[in-house]
Amino acid sequence: MEKQEFTELPSLEEIKSLIAEYENADLENVSFNKLSVQLRKLKWIPFLTAKLHQGFHIERARINRPDEIFYTEKDISYRNDYENIKTYGRANVKHNSLFYGAIESDVIKHPRLINLIETSQIFRNLDKVKVDKADFIMTLGKWRIKQDIEVVEMVFNENSIKNSKDVKKSYEEHLERLTKEHPKNLEQFKLILEFFSNQFAKKEIEKDTDYMISAAYADFAMTWNNFHGLKYPSVKSDYQGHNIVLTPAAVEQFLELEIAAMFRVTKDGENSVISPIKHSTDFGPLNCKFKWVDYKPQQFKVEK
């Protein structure tokens, strides 16, 4: 960041006014290009970063259709059907494929649980729709990080700071550095960071355009500033888990698939159980021909 940028920052009141305009706009009737240009009126789009360390793992899940089995890494990794990506996601714009996954947090040690509630309609909507029974198959991929990856992290949302020791620690470290390096503009920086973090932490999603601002921020980070991805608290886990989103290029450069596994997920009233049924570590040439092996019966309960 050049010093010149900070002299051009809007005042605190101007930033508040801009944020109010963004938040009150009917984004269904705003083009993505217009939104991107308007967001640049903030003058400083912040990118605070963290490292995903070598040797750690990222997990990603897909829900199988009835009788469906996946046999390639392509099936369980980022989407390749770009023309069919017709809606905004929390980090992706239309027709743009990203790799969404999860990593271990201080509270949730099994990222597959985060994947389950993020990908399954049944578990995503427990607060809205009561589902007494469910029975389906989930396929999980577990990728090892081959070398450190620098990603942008979103840690200035108040609720996620309260609910996650990991987020609170990162927030305090970033705030301390900003306080030392930019004391004159600290309040402006905090306000902008809180605004974008709040977009990634948004719970009430009625339509895909509710993701437009967070998707625009991610686009600034990955397309315009060449970051490999973002890390943000999992909304569906009440901010206690960590979601990771990476570009396809970053996946191919930094990740290596170690294991794929199929799980049966059942729900009967308040009881939910995940049972491993098959796994594969022999993926074939270029990971395009999985050889599945049956698991011996084993179960663990989904903790609320």
Protein backbone atom coordinates (compact mmCIF):
# COMPACT_ATOMS: atom_id res chain seq x y z
CA MET A 1 0.00 0.00 0.00
CA GLU A 2 1.43 3.34 -1.00
CA LYS A 3 1.26 6.33 1.28
CA GLN A 4 -0.51 8.30 -1.44
CA GLU A 5 -3.55 6.02 -1.19
CA PHE A 6 -4.14 6.92 2.45
CA THR A 7 -4.17 10.66 1.78
CA GLU A 8 -7.06 10.05 -0.62
CA LEU A 9 -9.15 7.99 1.79
CA PRO A 10 -12.71 9.21 2.29
CA SER A 11 -13.52 10.57 5.74
CA LEU A 12 -15.17 8.36 8.33
CA GLU A 13 -18.56 9.93 7.61
CA GLU A 14 -18.09 9.52 3.85
CA ILE A 15 -17.25 5.83 4.32
CA LYS A 16 -20.35 5.34 6.48
CA SER A 17 -22.45 6.99 3.79
CA LEU A 18 -20.98 4.81 1.04
CA ILE A 19 -21.50 1.63 3.08
CA ALA A 20 -25.12 2.61 3.76
CA GLU A 21 -25.65 3.07 0.03
CA TYR A 22 -24.19 -0.37 -0.76
CA GLU A 23 -26.20 -2.09 1.96
CA ASN A 24 -29.50 -0.45 1.00
CA ALA A 25 -29.20 -0.99 -2.76
CA ASP A 26 -31.48 -3.47 -4.50
CA LEU A 27 -28.64 -5.53 -5.93
CA GLU A 28 -30.98 -7.55 -8.13
CA ASN A 29 -31.23 -4.40 -10.23
CA VAL A 30 -27.55 -3.46 -10.17
CA SER A 31 -25.00 -4.84 -12.63
CA PHE A 32 -21.93 -6.51 -11.19
CA ASN A 33 -19.69 -4.10 -13.10
CA LYS A 34 -21.46 -1.09 -11.62
CA LEU A 35 -21.19 -2.51 -8.11
CA SER A 36 -17.45 -3.15 -8.57
CA VAL A 37 -16.86 0.44 -9.73
CA GLN A 38 -18.94 1.86 -6.87
CA LEU A 39 -17.06 -0.19 -4.27
CA ARG A 40 -13.83 1.39 -5.47
CA LYS A 41 -15.08 4.72 -4.15
CA LEU A 42 -13.79 3.50 -0.80
CA LYS A 43 -10.33 4.11 -2.34
CA TRP A 44 -8.71 1.41 -0.19
CA ILE A 45 -9.87 -2.19 -0.56
CA PRO A 46 -8.15 -4.05 2.31
CA PHE A 47 -6.52 -7.47 2.06
CA LEU A 48 -5.20 -8.84 5.34
CA THR A 49 -3.59 -12.23 4.90
CA ALA A 50 -2.82 -15.49 6.68
CA LYS A 51 -0.93 -18.63 5.70
CA LEU A 52 -2.30 -22.11 5.16
CA HIS A 53 0.66 -24.17 6.25
CA GLN A 54 2.40 -27.00 4.44
CA GLY A 55 1.34 -30.43 5.69
CA PHE A 56 -2.12 -29.38 6.83
CA HIS A 57 -5.28 -30.58 5.07
CA ILE A 58 -8.29 -29.12 3.30
CA GLU A 59 -11.45 -31.20 2.93
CA ARG A 60 -14.23 -30.77 0.42
CA ALA A 61 -17.48 -32.74 0.09
CA ARG A 62 -20.10 -33.48 -2.54
CA ILE A 63 -23.52 -35.00 -1.97
CA ASN A 64 -24.11 -38.04 -4.18
CA ARG A 65 -27.33 -38.47 -6.07
CA PRO A 66 -29.07 -41.85 -5.52
CA ASP A 67 -26.80 -44.65 -6.83
CA GLU A 68 -24.15 -42.14 -7.92
CA ILE A 69 -20.45 -42.91 -7.35
CA PHE A 70 -17.61 -40.52 -8.17
CA TYR A 71 -14.51 -41.96 -9.83
CA THR A 72 -12.29 -38.95 -10.55
CA GLU A 73 -10.74 -36.02 -8.73
CA LYS A 74 -12.51 -33.79 -11.24
CA ASP A 75 -15.83 -35.06 -9.85
CA ILE A 76 -15.10 -33.96 -6.28
CA SER A 77 -12.93 -30.87 -6.81
CA TYR A 78 -13.84 -27.45 -8.24
CA ARG A 79 -16.56 -27.31 -10.89
CA ASN A 80 -15.63 -27.38 -14.56
CA ASP A 81 -19.08 -26.65 -15.98
CA TYR A 82 -18.56 -22.90 -15.98
CA GLU A 83 -21.56 -22.21 -18.20
CA ASN A 84 -23.87 -23.75 -15.57
CA ILE A 85 -22.63 -21.59 -12.70
CA LYS A 86 -25.45 -19.10 -13.06
CA THR A 87 -25.65 -17.68 -9.56
CA TYR A 88 -23.37 -15.80 -7.18
CA GLY A 89 -21.78 -17.68 -4.29
CA ARG A 90 -20.28 -16.24 -1.13
CA ALA A 91 -16.99 -15.86 -3.00
CA ASN A 92 -17.69 -16.59 -6.66
CA VAL A 93 -19.23 -14.49 -9.39
CA LYS A 94 -21.39 -16.04 -12.10
CA HIS A 95 -19.64 -18.47 -14.47
CA ASN A 96 -16.57 -18.52 -12.23
CA SER A 97 -15.51 -21.77 -10.58
CA LEU A 98 -13.77 -21.81 -7.20
CA PHE A 99 -12.74 -24.58 -4.83
CA TYR A 100 -14.73 -24.36 -1.59
CA GLY A 101 -13.44 -26.45 1.31
CA ALA A 102 -12.90 -26.47 5.06
CA ILE A 103 -10.01 -26.81 7.50
CA GLU A 104 -9.73 -27.76 11.15
CA SER A 105 -10.56 -25.06 13.72
CA ASP A 106 -10.04 -24.73 17.45
CA VAL A 107 -13.62 -25.98 17.99
CA ILE A 108 -14.34 -28.28 15.03
CA LYS A 109 -11.55 -30.82 14.56
CA HIS A 110 -13.26 -32.69 11.70
CA PRO A 111 -13.67 -30.36 8.68
CA ARG A 112 -16.09 -32.92 7.17
CA LEU A 113 -18.71 -31.70 9.64
CA ILE A 114 -18.35 -28.18 8.27
CA ASN A 115 -18.59 -29.58 4.74
CA LEU A 116 -21.74 -31.47 5.66
CA ILE A 117 -23.65 -28.49 6.96
CA GLU A 118 -22.36 -26.24 4.17
CA THR A 119 -23.26 -28.60 1.32
CA SER A 120 -26.35 -30.51 2.46
CA GLN A 121 -29.66 -28.69 2.07
CA ILE A 122 -31.01 -30.74 4.98
CA PHE A 123 -28.35 -29.65 7.45
CA ARG A 124 -28.06 -26.13 6.05
CA ASN A 125 -31.72 -25.38 6.72
CA LEU A 126 -32.25 -26.90 10.16
CA ASP A 127 -33.07 -23.44 11.51
CA LYS A 128 -35.79 -22.95 8.88
CA VAL A 129 -37.18 -26.38 8.03
CA LYS A 130 -37.58 -29.26 10.47
CA VAL A 131 -36.39 -32.51 8.87
CA ASP A 132 -36.98 -35.62 10.98
CA LYS A 133 -35.43 -38.23 8.68
CA ALA A 134 -32.68 -38.24 6.09
CA ASP A 135 -30.44 -40.84 4.47
CA PHE A 136 -27.89 -39.98 1.79
CA ILE A 137 -24.29 -40.52 0.65
CA MET A 138 -21.57 -37.86 0.86
CA THR A 139 -18.19 -38.17 -0.87
CA LEU A 140 -15.28 -36.38 0.75
CA GLY A 141 -11.89 -35.48 -0.67
CA LYS A 142 -8.95 -34.72 1.63
CA TRP A 143 -6.11 -32.70 0.10
CA ARG A 144 -2.68 -32.12 1.65
CA ILE A 145 -1.17 -28.65 1.37
CA LYS A 146 2.19 -29.11 -0.39
CA GLN A 147 3.61 -25.67 0.45
CA ASP A 148 2.44 -22.62 2.37
CA ILE A 149 -0.40 -20.70 0.72
CA GLU A 150 -1.03 -17.02 1.43
CA VAL A 151 -4.73 -16.23 1.49
CA VAL A 152 -6.84 -13.23 2.45
CA GLU A 153 -8.73 -13.73 5.71
CA MET A 154 -11.96 -12.13 6.91
CA VAL A 155 -11.80 -11.65 10.68
CA PHE A 156 -13.44 -8.31 11.48
CA ASN A 157 -17.02 -9.52 11.98
CA GLU A 158 -18.14 -9.06 15.60
CA ASN A 159 -20.05 -12.35 15.92
CA SER A 160 -17.25 -14.46 14.49
CA ILE A 161 -14.76 -12.80 16.86
CA LYS A 162 -17.01 -13.73 19.79
CA ASN A 163 -17.57 -17.32 18.65
CA SER A 164 -14.08 -18.36 17.57
CA LYS A 165 -10.81 -18.13 19.48
CA ASP A 166 -8.96 -18.56 16.17
CA VAL A 167 -10.75 -15.61 14.61
CA LYS A 168 -10.29 -13.47 17.73
CA LYS A 169 -6.56 -14.16 17.75
CA SER A 170 -6.19 -13.21 14.07
CA TYR A 171 -8.33 -10.12 14.54
CA GLU A 172 -6.22 -8.92 17.47
CA GLU A 173 -2.96 -9.49 15.57
CA HIS A 174 -4.19 -7.55 12.52
CA LEU A 175 -5.61 -4.76 14.68
CA GLU A 176 -2.36 -4.41 16.59
CA ARG A 177 -0.37 -4.10 13.38
CA LEU A 178 -2.79 -1.58 11.87
CA THR A 179 -2.72 0.46 15.07
CA LYS A 180 1.08 0.65 14.96
CA GLU A 181 1.45 1.25 11.22
CA HIS A 182 -1.56 3.45 10.44
CA PRO A 183 -2.81 5.16 13.61
CA LYS A 184 -4.18 8.20 11.75
CA ASN A 185 -6.43 6.08 9.51
CA LEU A 186 -7.20 3.24 11.93
CA GLU A 187 -10.92 3.98 12.32
CA GLN A 188 -11.42 4.25 8.57
CA PHE A 189 -9.58 0.98 7.98
CA LYS A 190 -11.57 -0.80 10.69
CA LEU A 191 -14.88 0.37 9.24
CA ILE A 192 -14.02 -0.89 5.76
CA LEU A 193 -12.71 -4.20 7.10
CA GLU A 194 -15.82 -4.69 9.22
CA PHE A 195 -18.06 -3.99 6.24
CA PHE A 196 -16.49 -6.64 4.03
CA SER A 197 -16.14 -9.18 6.86
CA ASN A 198 -19.83 -8.69 7.65
CA GLN A 199 -20.66 -9.54 4.04
CA PHE A 200 -18.84 -12.87 4.35
CA ALA A 201 -20.57 -13.51 7.68
CA LYS A 202 -24.07 -12.72 6.37
CA LYS A 203 -26.66 -15.26 7.53
CA GLU A 204 -29.91 -14.08 5.97
CA ILE A 205 -29.60 -15.07 2.33
CA GLU A 206 -32.82 -14.87 0.32
CA LYS A 207 -31.39 -14.69 -3.20
CA ASP A 208 -28.01 -15.15 -4.81
CA THR A 209 -27.50 -11.40 -5.31
CA ASP A 210 -27.23 -11.14 -1.51
CA TYR A 211 -23.71 -12.50 -2.14
CA MET A 212 -22.76 -9.85 -4.70
CA ILE A 213 -20.64 -7.69 -2.41
CA SER A 214 -18.66 -10.57 -0.89
CA ALA A 215 -18.23 -12.04 -4.40
CA ALA A 216 -16.98 -8.67 -5.65
CA TYR A 217 -14.46 -8.48 -2.80
CA ALA A 218 -13.24 -12.01 -3.57
CA ASP A 219 -12.96 -11.04 -7.23
CA PHE A 220 -10.84 -8.01 -6.27
CA ALA A 221 -8.60 -10.27 -4.19
CA MET A 222 -8.12 -13.18 -6.58
CA THR A 223 -8.61 -11.71 -10.06
CA TRP A 224 -7.19 -8.22 -9.65
CA ASN A 225 -4.64 -8.74 -6.86
CA ASN A 226 -3.59 -12.33 -7.58
CA PHE A 227 -4.16 -13.80 -4.13
CA HIS A 228 -4.64 -17.57 -4.17
CA GLY A 229 -7.84 -17.55 -2.15
CA LEU A 230 -9.66 -16.53 1.01
CA LYS A 231 -10.33 -17.86 4.48
CA TYR A 232 -13.54 -16.93 6.29
CA PRO A 233 -15.61 -18.23 9.23
CA SER A 234 -18.25 -20.83 8.38
CA VAL A 235 -21.64 -19.18 8.73
CA LYS A 236 -23.51 -22.48 9.05
CA SER A 237 -21.33 -23.58 11.98
CA ASP A 238 -22.11 -20.30 13.75
CA TYR A 239 -18.61 -19.08 12.84
CA GLN A 240 -16.85 -21.88 14.75
CA GLY A 241 -15.41 -23.54 11.64
CA HIS A 242 -13.13 -22.22 8.90
CA ASN A 243 -14.03 -22.19 5.21
CA ILE A 244 -11.38 -21.96 2.51
CA VAL A 245 -11.92 -20.87 -1.08
CA LEU A 246 -9.13 -21.25 -3.63
CA THR A 247 -8.69 -20.59 -7.33
CA PRO A 248 -8.45 -23.68 -9.57
CA ALA A 249 -4.85 -22.73 -10.36
CA ALA A 250 -3.99 -22.71 -6.65
CA VAL A 251 -5.58 -26.14 -6.18
CA GLU A 252 -3.44 -27.64 -8.91
CA GLN A 253 -0.27 -25.91 -7.70
CA PHE A 254 -0.52 -26.29 -3.93
CA LEU A 255 -2.79 -29.25 -3.14
CA GLU A 256 -2.41 -33.01 -3.49
CA LEU A 257 -5.32 -35.40 -3.07
CA GLU A 258 -4.48 -37.95 -0.35
CA ILE A 259 -7.73 -39.81 0.21
CA ALA A 260 -11.32 -39.91 -0.99
CA ALA A 261 -14.02 -41.40 1.19
CA MET A 262 -17.73 -42.12 0.95
CA PHE A 263 -19.95 -41.67 4.00
CA ARG A 264 -23.55 -42.59 4.66
CA VAL A 265 -25.30 -39.76 6.50
CA THR A 266 -28.47 -40.57 8.41
CA LYS A 267 -30.75 -38.38 10.48
CA ASP A 268 -33.53 -39.70 12.72
CA GLY A 269 -35.07 -36.94 14.78
CA GLU A 270 -32.35 -35.34 16.87
CA ASN A 271 -29.80 -38.09 16.12
CA SER A 272 -27.45 -37.71 13.16
CA VAL A 273 -24.78 -40.29 12.31
CA ILE A 274 -22.00 -40.32 9.71
CA SER A 275 -20.82 -43.83 8.76
CA PRO A 276 -17.78 -44.38 6.49
CA ILE A 277 -18.58 -46.96 3.82
CA LYS A 278 -15.78 -46.80 1.19
CA HIS A 279 -12.41 -45.15 0.69
CA SER A 280 -9.82 -44.77 -2.04
CA THR A 281 -6.12 -43.94 -2.08
CA ASP A 282 -5.44 -45.50 -5.49
CA PHE A 283 -6.68 -42.80 -7.86
CA GLY A 284 -5.31 -44.11 -11.17
CA PRO A 285 -3.44 -42.08 -13.83
CA LEU A 286 -3.90 -38.34 -13.23
CA ASN A 287 -6.45 -39.15 -10.53
CA CYS A 288 -9.09 -40.18 -13.05
CA LYS A 289 -9.90 -43.77 -12.02
CA PHE A 290 -10.59 -44.21 -8.31
CA LYS A 291 -10.46 -47.75 -6.91
CA TRP A 292 -12.93 -47.91 -4.03
CA VAL A 293 -12.40 -50.23 -1.04
CA ASP A 294 -15.13 -51.07 1.49
CA TYR A 295 -14.73 -49.86 5.07
CA LYS A 296 -15.40 -52.09 8.02
CA PRO A 297 -18.50 -50.90 9.95
CA GLN A 298 -17.73 -47.83 12.05
CA GLN A 299 -19.75 -44.83 13.18
CA PHE A 300 -19.41 -41.49 14.95
CA LYS A 301 -22.10 -39.09 15.99
CA VAL A 302 -22.53 -35.55 14.73
CA GLU A 303 -22.14 -33.25 17.73
CA LYS A 304 -24.40 -30.24 17.89
